[in-house]
Amino acid sequence: MERTDVKIKEILAALEFNDGVYQREAVEAAIAHKEEIISYLIEILEGALADPAKYLEDSRYFAHIYALMLLAHFKEEQAHRLIVDVFSLPEKFVSPLFGDTITEDLPTLLYRTCGGSIEQIKSLVLNKEAYDFCRSSALRALNYAVIGGIASREAMLDFYGSLFTGKEAEPGSDFWSLVATAVYEIYPEELMDVIKQAYQDDLIWSGHIGLDSFEWALKQGKEQTLAEIRADVERNSLEDVHEHMSWWTCFDHPKKSRPQAVPAAKPDKQTFLSTKSQPYQKPKKPKRNDPCWCGSGKKYKYCHFKSDRAS
């Protein structure tokens, strides 16, 4: 066996299971052997697509996560369709296989591997059988494509505007709220009539995104609104895969803290004085990835999200 083959096998063995330590040296070695290892990383994802249940048998298995991150770091276009297909798996597989990778990283994975074509990303958005959170991340990937100059904002708004017929998902789905959020992120001015009608048709849930959010976007202007999604693209660029992964809570000793989102503006003095010394109250509209208002330590989407919506 040639020395390179031995090295590749050593790298893959180091990345196969999560023992609580980020495998920095193995990831660095994989980057150094980029051309030789790509086919092996693709093979890992092909295995997940072909038999996802098998990959769930051992909760420590982690090779599919490293494979995704490395392929996106490499901007490997060969992996793009495969990534779309993997994240089109039913929720019962994709959620336990990938966890928060779906909401935190999938937009970047799709965007970096698309090679300038967004058609496969659109196909995930349109896939009624796909998990709503995967469709949501595909929407955000399309917004990344707008920021990256792959698609025009106007063309993307035309696409989003076509997704409020009520036929794109099952009744009661979050899909239209997720599309509305995507519209908001790239400045909603041209689609305000469509958005208002979608609220009237009960397609958009105001607990996810309220009409006041759109009014705020219009008030702050296009450039500022786009600056926020642009900052998100930069923050999740995956150019430095170590910086992106090493902070993850699944690793016992993160090297660095993850870069944080731009903090919300501080309340004005009057707002502060009116709320000072008042007892804690449940936030009206927590975001899905925020800590739940109940103090459980879980993310809102995994805790009281469904019961809040039902109430």
Protein backbone atom coordinates (compact mmCIF):
# COMPACT_ATOMS: atom_id res chain seq x y z
CA MET A 1 0.00 0.00 0.00
CA GLU A 2 1.37 3.39 -0.94
CA ARG A 3 2.26 5.84 1.79
CA THR A 4 -0.43 8.32 0.70
CA ASP A 5 -3.13 5.65 0.95
CA VAL A 6 -1.96 4.80 4.45
CA LYS A 7 -2.11 8.47 5.43
CA ILE A 8 -5.63 8.86 4.04
CA LYS A 9 -6.80 5.85 6.03
CA GLU A 10 -5.22 7.30 9.18
CA ILE A 11 -6.99 10.62 8.62
CA LEU A 12 -10.36 8.98 8.03
CA ALA A 13 -9.93 6.79 11.10
CA ALA A 14 -9.25 9.87 13.24
CA LEU A 15 -12.37 11.58 11.92
CA GLU A 16 -14.72 8.61 12.18
CA PHE A 17 -15.88 8.97 15.79
CA ASN A 18 -16.24 11.91 18.15
CA ASP A 19 -14.34 11.30 21.38
CA GLY A 20 -14.97 14.82 22.67
CA VAL A 21 -11.88 16.33 21.07
CA TYR A 22 -11.80 18.37 17.87
CA GLN A 23 -9.44 16.54 15.50
CA ARG A 24 -7.43 19.55 14.42
CA GLU A 25 -4.40 17.60 13.22
CA ALA A 26 -6.50 15.18 11.19
CA VAL A 27 -8.48 18.05 9.62
CA GLU A 28 -5.24 19.84 8.80
CA ALA A 29 -3.88 16.64 7.23
CA ALA A 30 -7.10 16.24 5.21
CA ILE A 31 -6.66 19.77 3.86
CA ALA A 32 -3.06 19.00 2.96
CA HIS A 33 -4.25 15.89 1.04
CA LYS A 34 -7.23 17.62 -0.53
CA GLU A 35 -7.09 16.03 -3.97
CA GLU A 36 -6.64 12.50 -2.63
CA ILE A 37 -9.29 12.64 0.09
CA ILE A 38 -12.23 14.25 -1.73
CA SER A 39 -13.51 10.98 -3.21
CA TYR A 40 -13.44 9.36 0.25
CA LEU A 41 -15.40 12.24 1.79
CA ILE A 42 -18.01 11.98 -0.96
CA GLU A 43 -18.21 8.24 -0.35
CA ILE A 44 -19.03 8.91 3.32
CA LEU A 45 -21.99 11.11 2.34
CA GLU A 46 -23.11 8.58 -0.27
CA GLY A 47 -23.23 6.03 2.54
CA ALA A 48 -25.38 8.34 4.67
CA LEU A 49 -27.78 8.81 1.76
CA ALA A 50 -27.96 5.10 0.92
CA ASP A 51 -28.44 3.81 4.49
CA PRO A 52 -29.04 6.63 6.98
CA ALA A 53 -30.32 4.25 9.66
CA LYS A 54 -26.95 2.51 9.76
CA TYR A 55 -25.20 5.80 10.42
CA LEU A 56 -27.46 6.32 13.43
CA GLU A 57 -26.52 3.06 15.11
CA ASP A 58 -23.58 4.64 16.97
CA SER A 59 -24.21 8.16 18.27
CA ARG A 60 -20.47 8.82 18.33
CA TYR A 61 -20.18 8.53 14.55
CA PHE A 62 -19.00 11.87 13.20
CA ALA A 63 -17.31 11.26 9.85
CA HIS A 64 -20.30 12.59 7.90
CA ILE A 65 -20.05 15.94 9.72
CA TYR A 66 -16.33 16.30 9.06
CA ALA A 67 -16.94 15.27 5.44
CA LEU A 68 -19.55 18.00 4.98
CA MET A 69 -17.35 20.70 6.49
CA LEU A 70 -14.28 19.75 4.51
CA LEU A 71 -16.12 19.46 1.19
CA ALA A 72 -17.66 22.89 1.74
CA HIS A 73 -14.29 24.31 2.79
CA PHE A 74 -12.90 22.95 -0.49
CA LYS A 75 -15.89 24.42 -2.42
CA GLU A 76 -16.24 20.99 -3.98
CA GLU A 77 -18.89 21.22 -6.67
CA GLN A 78 -19.06 17.43 -7.11
CA ALA A 79 -20.57 17.23 -3.64
CA HIS A 80 -23.32 19.79 -4.20
CA ARG A 81 -26.09 17.55 -5.59
CA LEU A 82 -25.20 14.91 -3.01
CA ILE A 83 -25.54 17.42 -0.16
CA VAL A 84 -28.94 18.49 -1.49
CA ASP A 85 -30.04 14.84 -1.69
CA VAL A 86 -28.78 14.03 1.82
CA PHE A 87 -30.64 16.97 3.33
CA SER A 88 -33.75 15.95 1.43
CA LEU A 89 -33.97 12.81 3.57
CA PRO A 90 -37.01 12.51 5.88
CA GLU A 91 -36.87 14.39 9.17
CA LYS A 92 -36.58 11.14 11.16
CA PHE A 93 -33.15 10.62 9.59
CA VAL A 94 -31.83 14.07 8.81
CA SER A 95 -32.55 15.60 12.21
CA PRO A 96 -30.64 13.06 14.35
CA LEU A 97 -27.90 12.70 11.73
CA PHE A 98 -27.10 16.39 11.49
CA GLY A 99 -28.73 18.20 14.42
CA ASP A 100 -27.92 21.91 14.56
CA THR A 101 -25.79 21.58 11.43
CA ILE A 102 -29.09 21.93 9.57
CA THR A 103 -29.83 25.42 10.86
CA GLU A 104 -26.33 26.66 11.61
CA ASP A 105 -24.23 25.39 8.69
CA LEU A 106 -26.37 24.09 5.82
CA PRO A 107 -26.76 27.53 4.16
CA THR A 108 -22.98 27.78 3.90
CA LEU A 109 -22.59 24.16 2.77
CA LEU A 110 -25.04 24.69 -0.07
CA TYR A 111 -23.71 28.09 -1.07
CA ARG A 112 -20.02 27.15 -1.10
CA THR A 113 -20.51 24.00 -3.18
CA CYS A 114 -23.03 25.31 -5.72
CA GLY A 115 -20.43 26.46 -8.25
CA GLY A 116 -22.49 29.43 -9.33
CA SER A 117 -25.71 27.48 -9.99
CA ILE A 118 -28.64 27.75 -7.59
CA GLU A 119 -31.05 25.33 -9.29
CA GLN A 120 -30.41 22.44 -6.93
CA ILE A 121 -30.84 24.74 -3.92
CA LYS A 122 -34.16 25.85 -5.35
CA SER A 123 -35.16 22.21 -5.75
CA LEU A 124 -34.65 21.70 -2.00
CA VAL A 125 -36.78 24.76 -1.26
CA LEU A 126 -39.54 23.34 -3.46
CA ASN A 127 -39.35 19.80 -2.08
CA LYS A 128 -42.54 19.36 -0.04
CA GLU A 129 -41.19 16.09 1.42
CA ALA A 130 -38.07 17.72 2.88
CA TYR A 131 -37.74 18.80 6.51
CA ASP A 132 -38.91 22.41 6.96
CA PHE A 133 -35.63 23.45 8.60
CA CYS A 134 -33.68 22.08 5.60
CA ARG A 135 -35.91 24.06 3.26
CA SER A 136 -35.33 27.11 5.46
CA SER A 137 -31.57 26.73 5.20
CA ALA A 138 -31.88 26.39 1.44
CA LEU A 139 -33.74 29.72 1.43
CA ARG A 140 -30.93 31.32 3.38
CA ALA A 141 -28.39 29.80 0.97
CA LEU A 142 -30.25 31.57 -1.84
CA ASN A 143 -29.89 34.83 0.07
CA TYR A 144 -26.18 34.09 0.42
CA ALA A 145 -26.13 33.69 -3.37
CA VAL A 146 -27.65 37.17 -3.70
CA ILE A 147 -24.94 38.62 -1.48
CA GLY A 148 -22.28 36.69 -3.42
CA GLY A 149 -23.50 38.00 -6.77
CA ILE A 150 -24.61 34.59 -8.05
CA ALA A 151 -28.24 35.67 -8.24
CA SER A 152 -29.91 39.06 -8.39
CA ARG A 153 -32.03 40.25 -5.51
CA GLU A 154 -34.86 41.02 -7.93
CA ALA A 155 -34.87 37.50 -9.40
CA MET A 156 -34.83 35.98 -5.92
CA LEU A 157 -37.76 38.12 -4.78
CA ASP A 158 -39.68 37.00 -7.87
CA PHE A 159 -39.03 33.39 -6.87
CA TYR A 160 -40.04 33.99 -3.26
CA GLY A 161 -43.15 35.85 -4.35
CA SER A 162 -44.31 32.73 -6.22
CA LEU A 163 -44.22 30.62 -3.04
CA PHE A 164 -47.31 31.94 -1.28
CA THR A 165 -50.04 30.07 -3.15
CA GLY A 166 -50.76 27.82 -0.16
CA LYS A 167 -49.84 24.71 -2.14
CA GLU A 168 -46.11 24.60 -1.32
CA ALA A 169 -46.53 22.69 1.96
CA GLU A 170 -49.10 21.02 4.19
CA PRO A 171 -51.62 23.30 5.94
CA GLY A 172 -50.18 24.70 9.15
CA SER A 173 -46.60 24.28 7.97
CA ASP A 174 -43.94 26.81 8.95
CA PHE A 175 -42.82 26.94 5.33
CA TRP A 176 -44.43 30.28 4.50
CA SER A 177 -43.10 31.90 7.65
CA LEU A 178 -39.65 30.72 6.62
CA VAL A 179 -40.07 32.15 3.12
CA ALA A 180 -41.26 35.41 4.67
CA THR A 181 -38.10 35.53 6.76
CA ALA A 182 -36.02 35.05 3.61
CA VAL A 183 -37.89 37.93 1.98
CA TYR A 184 -37.23 40.12 5.01
CA GLU A 185 -33.50 39.36 4.91
CA ILE A 186 -32.99 40.79 1.41
CA TYR A 187 -35.28 43.79 1.92
CA PRO A 188 -38.98 43.21 1.32
CA GLU A 189 -40.15 46.42 -0.33
CA GLU A 190 -41.31 44.96 -3.65
CA LEU A 191 -43.20 42.07 -2.00
CA MET A 192 -45.04 43.93 0.75
CA ASP A 193 -48.44 43.41 -0.89
CA VAL A 194 -47.74 39.68 -1.18
CA ILE A 195 -46.56 39.51 2.43
CA LYS A 196 -49.62 41.37 3.76
CA GLN A 197 -51.93 39.06 1.83
CA ALA A 198 -50.08 36.02 3.22
CA TYR A 199 -50.75 37.26 6.75
CA GLN A 200 -54.42 37.72 5.88
CA ASP A 201 -54.49 34.19 4.47
CA ASP A 202 -52.96 32.84 7.72
CA LEU A 203 -49.96 31.46 5.86
CA ILE A 204 -47.41 33.41 7.91
CA TRP A 205 -47.39 32.98 11.68
CA SER A 206 -46.70 36.28 13.42
CA GLY A 207 -45.03 34.39 16.27
CA HIS A 208 -42.27 33.50 13.83
CA ILE A 209 -41.97 36.88 12.14
CA GLY A 210 -44.37 39.75 12.63
CA LEU A 211 -45.46 42.38 10.17
CA ASP A 212 -43.67 44.91 12.38
CA SER A 213 -40.36 43.27 11.38
CA PHE A 214 -41.04 44.12 7.75
CA GLU A 215 -41.98 47.66 8.69
CA TRP A 216 -38.72 47.93 10.61
CA ALA A 217 -36.75 46.72 7.59
CA LEU A 218 -38.39 49.34 5.39
CA LYS A 219 -37.58 51.98 7.99
CA GLN A 220 -33.91 51.06 8.29
CA GLY A 221 -33.46 50.82 4.51
CA LYS A 222 -32.13 48.38 1.95
CA GLU A 223 -28.42 48.82 2.59
CA GLN A 224 -28.66 48.22 6.32
CA THR A 225 -30.95 45.23 5.86
CA LEU A 226 -28.58 43.66 3.33
CA ALA A 227 -25.62 44.47 5.57
CA GLU A 228 -27.05 42.10 8.19
CA ILE A 229 -27.22 39.09 5.86
CA ARG A 230 -23.84 40.04 4.41
CA ALA A 231 -22.36 39.91 7.91
CA ASP A 232 -23.91 36.46 8.34
CA VAL A 233 -22.26 35.23 5.13
CA GLU A 234 -18.88 36.50 6.30
CA ARG A 235 -19.30 35.10 9.80
CA ASN A 236 -20.04 31.61 8.46
CA SER A 237 -17.65 31.61 5.52
CA LEU A 238 -15.83 28.33 6.39
CA GLU A 239 -12.61 29.76 4.98
CA ASP A 240 -11.04 28.80 8.32
CA VAL A 241 -12.58 25.44 9.07
CA HIS A 242 -10.80 25.25 12.45
CA GLU A 243 -12.28 28.56 13.55
CA HIS A 244 -15.68 27.39 12.42
CA MET A 245 -15.71 23.97 14.09
CA SER A 246 -13.42 23.94 17.10
CA TRP A 247 -15.79 25.89 19.39
CA TRP A 248 -18.63 23.36 18.99
CA THR A 249 -20.12 22.18 22.27
CA CYS A 250 -19.71 18.53 21.27
CA PHE A 251 -15.99 19.03 21.82
CA ASP A 252 -14.75 19.21 25.42
CA HIS A 253 -12.07 21.85 24.97
CA PRO A 254 -12.97 24.43 22.31
CA LYS A 255 -10.03 26.55 21.26
CA LYS A 256 -12.00 29.71 20.62
CA SER A 257 -15.48 31.08 21.05
CA ARG A 258 -17.64 31.24 18.00
CA PRO A 259 -17.95 34.72 16.49
CA GLN A 260 -21.18 36.23 17.74
CA ALA A 261 -23.90 37.90 15.74
CA VAL A 262 -24.11 41.67 15.78
CA PRO A 263 -25.71 42.51 19.15
CA ALA A 264 -29.17 44.01 19.22
CA ALA A 265 -29.44 47.71 19.80
CA LYS A 266 -29.73 48.75 23.44
CA PRO A 267 -33.15 50.05 24.52
CA ASP A 268 -33.55 53.78 24.80
CA LYS A 269 -33.64 55.40 28.23
CA GLN A 270 -37.43 55.53 28.43
CA THR A 271 -37.79 51.85 27.56
CA PHE A 272 -35.12 50.95 30.09
CA LEU A 273 -36.75 52.95 32.88
CA SER A 274 -40.18 51.49 32.14
CA THR A 275 -38.92 47.93 32.45
CA LYS A 276 -36.35 48.36 35.24
CA SER A 277 -37.23 46.52 38.45
CA GLN A 278 -40.09 44.69 36.73
CA PRO A 279 -40.34 40.90 37.13
CA TYR A 280 -39.02 38.74 34.32
CA GLN A 281 -41.57 38.10 31.60
CA LYS A 282 -41.56 35.60 28.78
CA PRO A 283 -40.31 37.21 25.54
CA LYS A 284 -43.06 37.68 23.00
CA LYS A 285 -41.22 36.37 19.96
CA PRO A 286 -38.07 34.34 20.76
CA LYS A 287 -36.22 33.09 17.72
CA ARG A 288 -36.05 29.35 17.15
CA ASN A 289 -32.35 29.06 17.99
CA ASP A 290 -32.57 31.28 21.08
CA PRO A 291 -32.58 29.69 24.54
CA CYS A 292 -36.14 28.82 25.49
CA TRP A 293 -37.90 31.37 27.67
CA CYS A 294 -38.68 28.69 30.28
CA GLY A 295 -35.04 28.40 31.38
CA SER A 296 -34.66 24.74 30.42
CA GLY A 297 -31.38 25.41 28.64
CA LYS A 298 -32.78 23.94 25.43
CA LYS A 299 -33.21 25.87 22.22
CA TYR A 300 -36.69 27.33 21.82
CA LYS A 301 -37.39 25.18 18.74
CA TYR A 302 -36.76 22.01 20.76
CA CYS A 303 -38.76 23.11 23.80
CA HIS A 304 -41.86 25.36 23.89
CA PHE A 305 -42.02 26.36 20.21
CA LYS A 306 -44.81 23.98 19.24
CA SER A 307 -46.89 24.53 22.39
CA ASP A 308 -46.56 28.32 22.04
CA ARG A 309 -47.74 28.15 18.47
CA ALA A 310 -50.70 25.97 19.40
CA SER A 311 -51.80 28.37 22.15
